[in-house]
Amino acid sequence: MELDLDESSLAIGRIERALSRIEKALAARAERPASAATAPPPESSALKAEVAAVIGELDRLIGEAKHG
């Protein structure tokens, strides 16, 4: 299975949006007071899911580039 240009562009767009969400979450976490930072934030699992999605998309693009 080979990725065409449209599929690659869509994958890159998903990666960019996910990275933007990750950046916003990290910035929001950095702005919290120290007392709030000691408890595990509820969005932590969502942030981990975003990172996993980005890694998955990048792995897929790299794999297709190697085989295409």
C-alpha atoms as a PDB file:
ATOM      1  CA  MET A   1       0.000   0.000   0.000  1.00  0.00           C
ATOM      2  CA  GLU A   2       1.465   3.288  -1.086  1.00  0.00           C
ATOM      3  CA  LEU A   3       0.513   6.692   0.273  1.00  0.00           C
ATOM      4  CA  ASP A   4      -0.390   9.203  -2.379  1.00  0.00           C
ATOM      5  CA  LEU A   5       0.186  12.929  -2.064  1.00  0.00           C
ATOM      6  CA  ASP A   6      -3.356  13.634  -0.796  1.00  0.00           C
ATOM      7  CA  GLU A   7      -3.108  10.975   1.930  1.00  0.00           C
ATOM      8  CA  SER A   8       0.306  12.284   2.950  1.00  0.00           C
ATOM      9  CA  SER A   9      -1.018  15.838   3.126  1.00  0.00           C
ATOM     10  CA  LEU A  10      -3.943  14.709   5.277  1.00  0.00           C
ATOM     11  CA  ALA A  11      -1.607  12.792   7.604  1.00  0.00           C
ATOM     12  CA  ILE A  12       0.663  15.818   7.929  1.00  0.00           C
ATOM     13  CA  GLY A  13      -2.372  17.987   8.706  1.00  0.00           C
ATOM     14  CA  ARG A  14      -3.455  15.575  11.455  1.00  0.00           C
ATOM     15  CA  ILE A  15       0.049  15.645  12.899  1.00  0.00           C
ATOM     16  CA  GLU A  16       0.144  19.450  12.853  1.00  0.00           C
ATOM     17  CA  ARG A  17      -3.238  19.726  14.598  1.00  0.00           C
ATOM     18  CA  ALA A  18      -2.260  17.163  17.225  1.00  0.00           C
ATOM     19  CA  LEU A  19       1.037  18.929  17.888  1.00  0.00           C
ATOM     20  CA  SER A  20      -0.826  22.214  18.253  1.00  0.00           C
ATOM     21  CA  ARG A  21      -3.172  20.653  20.835  1.00  0.00           C
ATOM     22  CA  ILE A  22      -0.186  19.195  22.690  1.00  0.00           C
ATOM     23  CA  GLU A  23       1.548  22.573  22.699  1.00  0.00           C
ATOM     24  CA  LYS A  24      -1.556  24.305  24.083  1.00  0.00           C
ATOM     25  CA  ALA A  25      -1.992  21.676  26.805  1.00  0.00           C
ATOM     26  CA  LEU A  26       1.636  21.966  27.862  1.00  0.00           C
ATOM     27  CA  ALA A  27       1.434  25.765  27.912  1.00  0.00           C
ATOM     28  CA  ALA A  28      -1.722  25.610  30.040  1.00  0.00           C
ATOM     29  CA  ARG A  29      -0.032  23.161  32.402  1.00  0.00           C
ATOM     30  CA  ALA A  30       2.997  25.462  32.754  1.00  0.00           C
ATOM     31  CA  GLU A  31       0.745  28.418  33.668  1.00  0.00           C
ATOM     32  CA  ARG A  32      -0.949  26.588  36.567  1.00  0.00           C
ATOM     33  CA  PRO A  33       0.045  27.432  40.139  1.00  0.00           C
ATOM     34  CA  ALA A  34       2.527  25.043  41.765  1.00  0.00           C
ATOM     35  CA  SER A  35      -0.104  23.578  44.124  1.00  0.00           C
ATOM     36  CA  ALA A  36      -2.254  22.506  41.158  1.00  0.00           C
ATOM     37  CA  ALA A  37       0.752  20.995  39.410  1.00  0.00           C
ATOM     38  CA  THR A  38       1.378  18.477  42.209  1.00  0.00           C
ATOM     39  CA  ALA A  39      -1.836  16.558  41.497  1.00  0.00           C
ATOM     40  CA  PRO A  40      -1.907  14.530  38.272  1.00  0.00           C
ATOM     41  CA  PRO A  41      -3.801  16.604  35.710  1.00  0.00           C
ATOM     42  CA  PRO A  42      -6.975  15.046  34.296  1.00  0.00           C
ATOM     43  CA  GLU A  43      -5.904  15.771  30.709  1.00  0.00           C
ATOM     44  CA  SER A  44      -2.713  13.751  31.158  1.00  0.00           C
ATOM     45  CA  SER A  45      -4.160  10.645  29.494  1.00  0.00           C
ATOM     46  CA  ALA A  46      -5.555  12.778  26.658  1.00  0.00           C
ATOM     47  CA  LEU A  47      -2.130  14.324  26.164  1.00  0.00           C
ATOM     48  CA  LYS A  48      -0.529  10.880  26.089  1.00  0.00           C
ATOM     49  CA  ALA A  49      -3.108   9.783  23.500  1.00  0.00           C
ATOM     50  CA  GLU A  50      -2.266  12.806  21.324  1.00  0.00           C
ATOM     51  CA  VAL A  51       1.447  11.999  21.500  1.00  0.00           C
ATOM     52  CA  ALA A  52       0.741   8.351  20.628  1.00  0.00           C
ATOM     53  CA  ALA A  53      -1.368   9.468  17.648  1.00  0.00           C
ATOM     54  CA  VAL A  54       1.416  11.704  16.352  1.00  0.00           C
ATOM     55  CA  ILE A  55       3.972   8.927  16.722  1.00  0.00           C
ATOM     56  CA  GLY A  56       1.646   6.503  14.946  1.00  0.00           C
ATOM     57  CA  GLU A  57       1.127   8.864  12.014  1.00  0.00           C
ATOM     58  CA  LEU A  58       4.847   9.526  11.737  1.00  0.00           C
ATOM     59  CA  ASP A  59       5.636   5.797  11.879  1.00  0.00           C
ATOM     60  CA  ARG A  60       3.094   5.138   9.143  1.00  0.00           C
ATOM     61  CA  LEU A  61       4.496   7.894   6.921  1.00  0.00           C
ATOM     62  CA  ILE A  62       8.065   6.719   7.460  1.00  0.00           C
ATOM     63  CA  GLY A  63       7.130   3.105   6.755  1.00  0.00           C
ATOM     64  CA  GLU A  64       5.349   4.032   3.559  1.00  0.00           C
ATOM     65  CA  ALA A  65       8.240   6.245   2.454  1.00  0.00           C
ATOM     66  CA  LYS A  66      10.667   3.348   2.936  1.00  0.00           C
ATOM     67  CA  HIS A  67       8.482   0.955   0.946  1.00  0.00           C
ATOM     68  CA  GLY A  68       7.271   3.435  -1.658  1.00  0.00           C
END
